[in-house]
Amino acid sequence: GSTSIRIQRAAAGGKRGTAQAIGRSQGGRTIKIHASGDSKGRLFHFLLTPGHRADVTAAYDLTAQLPARGCLIGDTGCDAWKLRQDLAFRGIATAIPTHPTRKHQWPICLDLNKRYNLVEQMFNHLKDIRRIATLYDKISRNLSSETACSTIALWWVH
């Protein structure tokens, strides 16, 4: 799954040579947090990308860290034939709704798809933390550190 975070005006710019994951999209300057979680809805891997980058590009990196015989519950942003084939080859089940514009609609396990709310809850808990929701940092290293610390705190609470 992924979520977009809008960047505050003060976060624009920064020193040269520092890695920034700030992207321009229709909503303005944003950063996307792509994450994978466990069966209890707890985040355990995440990536930061610019807001204009497609979800499926980060999905390849995140799924490389999934255990064999696991399950990927995603949204239509992860609907790519190559990704589905790669996961099937590794024995990972998928519950990804097919994009409505596709000719061939993939079958989906409705019981697994009902668990997608865990992904949404995971991001909602993360966005409850003000430091993540109102992004003032310019450097992606700082946001990664804040996300990791917030994740640890959320593991204790939930």
C-alpha atoms as a PDB file:
ATOM      1  CA  GLY A   1       0.000   0.000   0.000  1.00  0.00           C
ATOM      2  CA  SER A   2       0.968   3.585  -0.206  1.00  0.00           C
ATOM      3  CA  THR A   3      -0.132   6.953   1.029  1.00  0.00           C
ATOM      4  CA  SER A   4       0.721  10.487  -0.035  1.00  0.00           C
ATOM      5  CA  ILE A   5       1.807  13.191   2.355  1.00  0.00           C
ATOM      6  CA  ARG A   6       1.572  16.805   1.339  1.00  0.00           C
ATOM      7  CA  ILE A   7       4.686  18.817   2.041  1.00  0.00           C
ATOM      8  CA  GLN A   8       4.490  22.155   3.783  1.00  0.00           C
ATOM      9  CA  ARG A   9       5.837  25.210   2.020  1.00  0.00           C
ATOM     10  CA  ALA A  10       8.737  25.458   4.481  1.00  0.00           C
ATOM     11  CA  ALA A  11      10.040  22.052   3.358  1.00  0.00           C
ATOM     12  CA  ALA A  12      10.787  23.175  -0.178  1.00  0.00           C
ATOM     13  CA  GLY A  13      14.401  23.671  -1.141  1.00  0.00           C
ATOM     14  CA  GLY A  14      17.305  22.493   0.958  1.00  0.00           C
ATOM     15  CA  LYS A  15      21.021  21.983   0.725  1.00  0.00           C
ATOM     16  CA  ARG A  16      22.497  20.629  -2.458  1.00  0.00           C
ATOM     17  CA  GLY A  17      23.607  17.036  -2.361  1.00  0.00           C
ATOM     18  CA  THR A  18      21.040  15.875   0.185  1.00  0.00           C
ATOM     19  CA  ALA A  19      18.625  13.171  -0.895  1.00  0.00           C
ATOM     20  CA  GLN A  20      15.063  14.403  -1.095  1.00  0.00           C
ATOM     21  CA  ALA A  21      12.011  12.354  -1.967  1.00  0.00           C
ATOM     22  CA  ILE A  22       9.910  15.383  -2.832  1.00  0.00           C
ATOM     23  CA  GLY A  23       7.897  15.128  -6.020  1.00  0.00           C
ATOM     24  CA  ARG A  24       5.485  17.362  -7.863  1.00  0.00           C
ATOM     25  CA  SER A  25       2.030  16.023  -8.596  1.00  0.00           C
ATOM     26  CA  GLN A  26      -1.346  17.603  -9.275  1.00  0.00           C
ATOM     27  CA  GLY A  27      -1.873  18.128  -5.559  1.00  0.00           C
ATOM     28  CA  GLY A  28       1.397  20.031  -5.150  1.00  0.00           C
ATOM     29  CA  ARG A  29       4.595  18.834  -3.558  1.00  0.00           C
ATOM     30  CA  THR A  30       4.181  15.390  -2.039  1.00  0.00           C
ATOM     31  CA  ILE A  31       6.034  12.348  -0.779  1.00  0.00           C
ATOM     32  CA  LYS A  32       4.636   8.828  -0.936  1.00  0.00           C
ATOM     33  CA  ILE A  33       5.210   6.269   1.769  1.00  0.00           C
ATOM     34  CA  HIS A  34       4.997   2.752   0.345  1.00  0.00           C
ATOM     35  CA  ALA A  35       4.749   0.097   3.008  1.00  0.00           C
ATOM     36  CA  SER A  36       4.151  -3.553   3.688  1.00  0.00           C
ATOM     37  CA  GLY A  37       2.799  -4.871   6.932  1.00  0.00           C
ATOM     38  CA  ASP A  38       2.047  -8.086   8.736  1.00  0.00           C
ATOM     39  CA  SER A  39      -1.263  -9.882   9.248  1.00  0.00           C
ATOM     40  CA  LYS A  40      -2.048  -7.685  12.271  1.00  0.00           C
ATOM     41  CA  GLY A  41      -1.734  -4.458  10.305  1.00  0.00           C
ATOM     42  CA  ARG A  42       1.681  -3.471  11.657  1.00  0.00           C
ATOM     43  CA  LEU A  43       4.147  -1.819   9.295  1.00  0.00           C
ATOM     44  CA  PHE A  44       7.468  -3.618   8.876  1.00  0.00           C
ATOM     45  CA  HIS A  45       8.972  -2.382   5.560  1.00  0.00           C
ATOM     46  CA  PHE A  46       8.605   1.005   3.948  1.00  0.00           C
ATOM     47  CA  LEU A  47      10.044   3.084   1.113  1.00  0.00           C
ATOM     48  CA  LEU A  48       9.843   6.791   0.358  1.00  0.00           C
ATOM     49  CA  THR A  49       9.345   7.982  -3.203  1.00  0.00           C
ATOM     50  CA  PRO A  50       8.417  11.276  -4.842  1.00  0.00           C
ATOM     51  CA  GLY A  51       4.680  11.849  -5.052  1.00  0.00           C
ATOM     52  CA  HIS A  52       4.529  11.617  -8.845  1.00  0.00           C
ATOM     53  CA  ARG A  53       6.091   8.146  -9.020  1.00  0.00           C
ATOM     54  CA  ALA A  54       3.794   5.178  -9.699  1.00  0.00           C
ATOM     55  CA  ASP A  55       2.956   2.762  -6.876  1.00  0.00           C
ATOM     56  CA  VAL A  56       4.004  -0.298  -8.832  1.00  0.00           C
ATOM     57  CA  THR A  57       7.651   0.852  -9.052  1.00  0.00           C
ATOM     58  CA  ALA A  58       8.010   0.622  -5.272  1.00  0.00           C
ATOM     59  CA  ALA A  59       5.958  -2.583  -5.133  1.00  0.00           C
ATOM     60  CA  TYR A  60       8.789  -4.534  -6.763  1.00  0.00           C
ATOM     61  CA  ASP A  61      11.228  -3.465  -4.037  1.00  0.00           C
ATOM     62  CA  LEU A  62       8.773  -4.158  -1.224  1.00  0.00           C
ATOM     63  CA  THR A  63       7.710  -7.564  -2.489  1.00  0.00           C
ATOM     64  CA  ALA A  64      11.333  -8.679  -2.738  1.00  0.00           C
ATOM     65  CA  GLN A  65      11.343  -8.660   1.072  1.00  0.00           C
ATOM     66  CA  LEU A  66       8.123 -10.648   1.502  1.00  0.00           C
ATOM     67  CA  PRO A  67       8.443 -14.161   2.915  1.00  0.00           C
ATOM     68  CA  ALA A  68       7.689 -17.112   0.645  1.00  0.00           C
ATOM     69  CA  ARG A  69       4.116 -18.381   0.836  1.00  0.00           C
ATOM     70  CA  GLY A  70       2.987 -15.017   2.098  1.00  0.00           C
ATOM     71  CA  CYS A  71       0.155 -12.885   0.800  1.00  0.00           C
ATOM     72  CA  LEU A  72       0.088  -9.465  -0.830  1.00  0.00           C
ATOM     73  CA  ILE A  73      -3.049  -7.401  -0.337  1.00  0.00           C
ATOM     74  CA  GLY A  74      -2.804  -4.281  -2.448  1.00  0.00           C
ATOM     75  CA  ASP A  75      -4.832  -1.713  -4.312  1.00  0.00           C
ATOM     76  CA  THR A  76      -5.191  -1.131  -8.038  1.00  0.00           C
ATOM     77  CA  GLY A  77      -1.912   0.835  -8.077  1.00  0.00           C
ATOM     78  CA  CYS A  78      -0.083  -2.513  -7.739  1.00  0.00           C
ATOM     79  CA  ASP A  79      -1.968  -4.103 -10.626  1.00  0.00           C
ATOM     80  CA  ALA A  80       0.820  -5.141 -12.997  1.00  0.00           C
ATOM     81  CA  TRP A  81       1.012  -8.399 -14.912  1.00  0.00           C
ATOM     82  CA  LYS A  82       4.764  -8.787 -14.345  1.00  0.00           C
ATOM     83  CA  LEU A  83       4.386  -8.243 -10.585  1.00  0.00           C
ATOM     84  CA  ARG A  84       1.586 -10.809 -10.388  1.00  0.00           C
ATOM     85  CA  GLN A  85       3.672 -13.345 -12.316  1.00  0.00           C
ATOM     86  CA  ASP A  86       6.715 -12.766 -10.123  1.00  0.00           C
ATOM     87  CA  LEU A  87       4.677 -13.238  -6.946  1.00  0.00           C
ATOM     88  CA  ALA A  88       2.979 -16.374  -8.293  1.00  0.00           C
ATOM     89  CA  PHE A  89       6.392 -17.820  -9.171  1.00  0.00           C
ATOM     90  CA  ARG A  90       7.533 -17.261  -5.575  1.00  0.00           C
ATOM     91  CA  GLY A  91       4.346 -18.820  -4.161  1.00  0.00           C
ATOM     92  CA  ILE A  92       2.896 -15.575  -2.785  1.00  0.00           C
ATOM     93  CA  ALA A  93      -0.875 -15.195  -2.984  1.00  0.00           C
ATOM     94  CA  THR A  94      -2.261 -11.880  -4.238  1.00  0.00           C
ATOM     95  CA  ALA A  95      -5.427  -9.980  -3.492  1.00  0.00           C
ATOM     96  CA  ILE A  96      -5.078  -7.047  -5.871  1.00  0.00           C
ATOM     97  CA  PRO A  97      -8.195  -5.702  -7.559  1.00  0.00           C
ATOM     98  CA  THR A  98      -7.812  -5.355 -11.308  1.00  0.00           C
ATOM     99  CA  HIS A  99      -7.752  -1.838 -12.679  1.00  0.00           C
ATOM    100  CA  PRO A 100     -11.189  -1.132 -14.174  1.00  0.00           C
ATOM    101  CA  THR A 101      -9.767  -0.181 -17.576  1.00  0.00           C
ATOM    102  CA  ARG A 102      -8.177  -3.605 -18.174  1.00  0.00           C
ATOM    103  CA  LYS A 103      -9.721  -5.975 -20.686  1.00  0.00           C
ATOM    104  CA  HIS A 104      -8.825  -9.084 -18.702  1.00  0.00           C
ATOM    105  CA  GLN A 105     -10.151  -8.948 -15.141  1.00  0.00           C
ATOM    106  CA  TRP A 106      -8.135 -11.092 -12.722  1.00  0.00           C
ATOM    107  CA  PRO A 107     -10.082 -13.199 -10.242  1.00  0.00           C
ATOM    108  CA  ILE A 108      -9.754 -12.037  -6.652  1.00  0.00           C
ATOM    109  CA  CYS A 109     -10.236 -13.817  -3.353  1.00  0.00           C
ATOM    110  CA  LEU A 110     -12.885 -11.750  -1.603  1.00  0.00           C
ATOM    111  CA  ASP A 111     -11.977 -13.116   1.828  1.00  0.00           C
ATOM    112  CA  LEU A 112      -8.429 -11.798   1.444  1.00  0.00           C
ATOM    113  CA  ASN A 113      -9.587  -8.517  -0.042  1.00  0.00           C
ATOM    114  CA  LYS A 114     -11.734  -7.873   3.045  1.00  0.00           C
ATOM    115  CA  ARG A 115      -8.506  -7.599   5.011  1.00  0.00           C
ATOM    116  CA  TYR A 116      -7.427  -4.555   2.977  1.00  0.00           C
ATOM    117  CA  ASN A 117      -8.798  -2.371   5.753  1.00  0.00           C
ATOM    118  CA  LEU A 118      -5.726  -3.381   7.796  1.00  0.00           C
ATOM    119  CA  VAL A 119      -3.565  -1.585   5.242  1.00  0.00           C
ATOM    120  CA  GLU A 120      -5.707   1.542   5.475  1.00  0.00           C
ATOM    121  CA  GLN A 121      -5.695   1.407   9.288  1.00  0.00           C
ATOM    122  CA  MET A 122      -1.906   1.064   9.268  1.00  0.00           C
ATOM    123  CA  PHE A 123      -1.530   4.286   7.275  1.00  0.00           C
ATOM    124  CA  ASN A 124      -4.191   6.070   9.341  1.00  0.00           C
ATOM    125  CA  HIS A 125      -2.331   5.247  12.564  1.00  0.00           C
ATOM    126  CA  LEU A 126       0.860   6.528  10.978  1.00  0.00           C
ATOM    127  CA  LYS A 127      -0.809   9.765   9.865  1.00  0.00           C
ATOM    128  CA  ASP A 128      -2.197  10.306  13.364  1.00  0.00           C
ATOM    129  CA  ILE A 129       1.335  11.230  14.331  1.00  0.00           C
ATOM    130  CA  ARG A 130       1.622  14.950  13.686  1.00  0.00           C
ATOM    131  CA  ARG A 131       5.281  14.792  12.707  1.00  0.00           C
ATOM    132  CA  ILE A 132       4.430  12.515   9.783  1.00  0.00           C
ATOM    133  CA  ALA A 133       1.119  14.117   8.785  1.00  0.00           C
ATOM    134  CA  THR A 134       2.466  17.680   8.597  1.00  0.00           C
ATOM    135  CA  LEU A 135       5.760  17.229   6.874  1.00  0.00           C
ATOM    136  CA  TYR A 136       8.268  20.014   7.419  1.00  0.00           C
ATOM    137  CA  ASP A 137      11.468  18.040   6.788  1.00  0.00           C
ATOM    138  CA  LYS A 138      13.421  18.576   3.616  1.00  0.00           C
ATOM    139  CA  ILE A 139      15.593  15.474   3.689  1.00  0.00           C
ATOM    140  CA  SER A 140      14.246  11.979   3.070  1.00  0.00           C
ATOM    141  CA  ARG A 141      16.695  10.527   5.626  1.00  0.00           C
ATOM    142  CA  ASN A 142      14.919  12.500   8.364  1.00  0.00           C
ATOM    143  CA  LEU A 143      11.479  11.358   7.233  1.00  0.00           C
ATOM    144  CA  SER A 144      12.699   7.752   7.114  1.00  0.00           C
ATOM    145  CA  SER A 145      13.978   8.054  10.677  1.00  0.00           C
ATOM    146  CA  GLU A 146      10.736   9.642  11.871  1.00  0.00           C
ATOM    147  CA  THR A 147       8.667   6.952  10.157  1.00  0.00           C
ATOM    148  CA  ALA A 148      10.786   4.195  11.699  1.00  0.00           C
ATOM    149  CA  CYS A 149      10.517   5.704  15.201  1.00  0.00           C
ATOM    150  CA  SER A 150       6.775   6.189  14.768  1.00  0.00           C
ATOM    151  CA  THR A 151       6.432   2.592  13.628  1.00  0.00           C
ATOM    152  CA  ILE A 152       8.208   1.348  16.742  1.00  0.00           C
ATOM    153  CA  ALA A 153       5.898   3.432  18.932  1.00  0.00           C
ATOM    154  CA  LEU A 154       2.848   2.091  17.097  1.00  0.00           C
ATOM    155  CA  TRP A 155       4.047  -1.496  17.596  1.00  0.00           C
ATOM    156  CA  TRP A 156       4.060  -0.874  21.361  1.00  0.00           C
ATOM    157  CA  VAL A 157       0.588   0.647  21.346  1.00  0.00           C
ATOM    158  CA  HIS A 158      -1.138  -1.824  19.024  1.00  0.00           C
END
